[in-house]
Structures are given as structure tokens and as C-alpha cells.
Amino acid sequence: MSEAVVKEIIEKAIADEKFRKKLFKRPKKTLAGYDLTEKERKLLEGLDEDNFDDFAGGLGDRTTKGVWTPGG
């Protein structure tokens, strides 16, 4: 299920600064090995580094409880 993969990517970007920098510098390459739908891929590729913390913080407990869904 790719929802779990999106959660994994967001959590990794929060915890791992090197991964986060790669995600913003080369999103297509960084996401290449992940099993994502096209919608999920576009969402993650479209994240903005300047407001990522606000985005991730806005997810709150949804990322840790596994009920967050892309676009929802």
C-alpha cells in the first residue's frame, strides 16, 4: 500500500536532513525507488522546502497513526 510509503518518506524527511535535502534538490531521483501512485509522486515532488515544516507539522498525529492520506 503506497499510503504507508508516503508516510515513510515524510517521516524520513523530517528525521533525516540529508534525505530531506535530496528530496528537494532531486525529487524524481530520490523518489525513484519508491512504489508510489502518480498522484502521490506529484504531491511529494511538489513539496516546498521553505514550508515543509509547516506541511509536516500540519499533519500532526496523522503521520504517526497511519490515517493520513495524500491530498486528504
Protein backbone atom coordinates (compact mmCIF):
# COMPACT_ATOMS: atom_id res chain seq x y z
CA MET A 1 0.00 0.00 0.00
CA SER A 2 1.59 3.25 -1.11
CA GLU A 3 -0.02 5.33 1.67
CA ALA A 4 2.45 3.69 4.05
CA VAL A 5 5.27 4.59 1.66
CA VAL A 6 4.22 8.26 1.62
CA LYS A 7 4.18 8.24 5.42
CA GLU A 8 7.63 6.65 5.44
CA ILE A 9 9.02 9.30 3.08
CA ILE A 10 7.55 12.20 5.08
CA GLU A 11 8.85 10.78 8.36
CA LYS A 12 12.27 10.15 6.86
CA ALA A 13 12.40 13.72 5.53
CA ILE A 14 11.52 15.01 8.99
CA ALA A 15 14.16 12.92 10.75
CA ASP A 16 16.97 12.80 8.17
CA GLU A 17 18.27 16.16 6.97
CA LYS A 18 20.40 14.62 4.20
CA PHE A 19 17.42 12.74 2.78
CA ARG A 20 15.31 15.88 3.01
CA LYS A 21 17.86 17.91 1.07
CA LYS A 22 17.99 15.20 -1.61
CA LEU A 23 14.20 15.13 -1.76
CA PHE A 24 14.07 18.85 -2.52
CA LYS A 25 17.14 19.01 -4.75
CA ARG A 26 16.36 15.93 -6.88
CA PRO A 27 12.84 14.74 -6.09
CA LYS A 28 12.40 12.47 -9.12
CA LYS A 29 15.69 10.68 -8.46
CA THR A 30 15.10 10.47 -4.70
CA LEU A 31 11.61 9.02 -5.14
CA ALA A 32 12.55 6.65 -7.98
CA GLY A 33 12.86 3.57 -5.79
CA TYR A 34 9.53 4.03 -4.01
CA ASP A 35 6.24 2.40 -5.00
CA LEU A 36 4.01 5.46 -5.35
CA THR A 37 0.95 6.33 -7.39
CA GLU A 38 1.35 9.18 -9.86
CA LYS A 39 -0.75 11.42 -7.58
CA GLU A 40 1.44 10.66 -4.57
CA ARG A 41 4.61 11.19 -6.58
CA LYS A 42 3.37 14.59 -7.81
CA LEU A 43 2.41 15.58 -4.26
CA LEU A 44 5.85 14.72 -2.90
CA GLU A 45 7.71 16.26 -5.85
CA GLY A 46 5.70 19.45 -5.38
CA LEU A 47 6.58 19.98 -1.72
CA ASP A 48 8.33 23.25 -0.98
CA GLU A 49 11.40 23.18 1.24
CA ASP A 50 10.58 26.55 2.76
CA ASN A 51 7.21 25.41 4.09
CA PHE A 52 7.90 21.69 4.57
CA ASP A 53 7.99 22.01 8.35
CA ASP A 54 4.57 23.69 8.28
CA PHE A 55 3.27 20.96 5.96
CA ALA A 56 4.67 18.14 8.09
CA GLY A 57 3.59 19.83 11.32
CA GLY A 58 0.11 20.28 9.89
CA LEU A 59 -0.13 16.52 9.51
CA GLY A 60 0.22 16.22 13.29
CA ASP A 61 -0.68 12.81 14.66
CA ARG A 62 -1.96 11.68 11.28
CA THR A 63 1.53 10.63 10.20
CA THR A 64 2.17 8.63 13.33
CA LYS A 65 -1.24 6.99 13.49
CA GLY A 66 -1.32 5.97 9.84
CA VAL A 67 -4.56 7.69 8.90
CA TRP A 68 -3.15 10.47 6.76
CA THR A 69 -3.91 10.13 3.08
CA PRO A 70 -2.31 12.13 0.28
CA GLY A 71 -4.49 15.00 -0.80
CA GLY A 72 -6.85 14.43 2.09
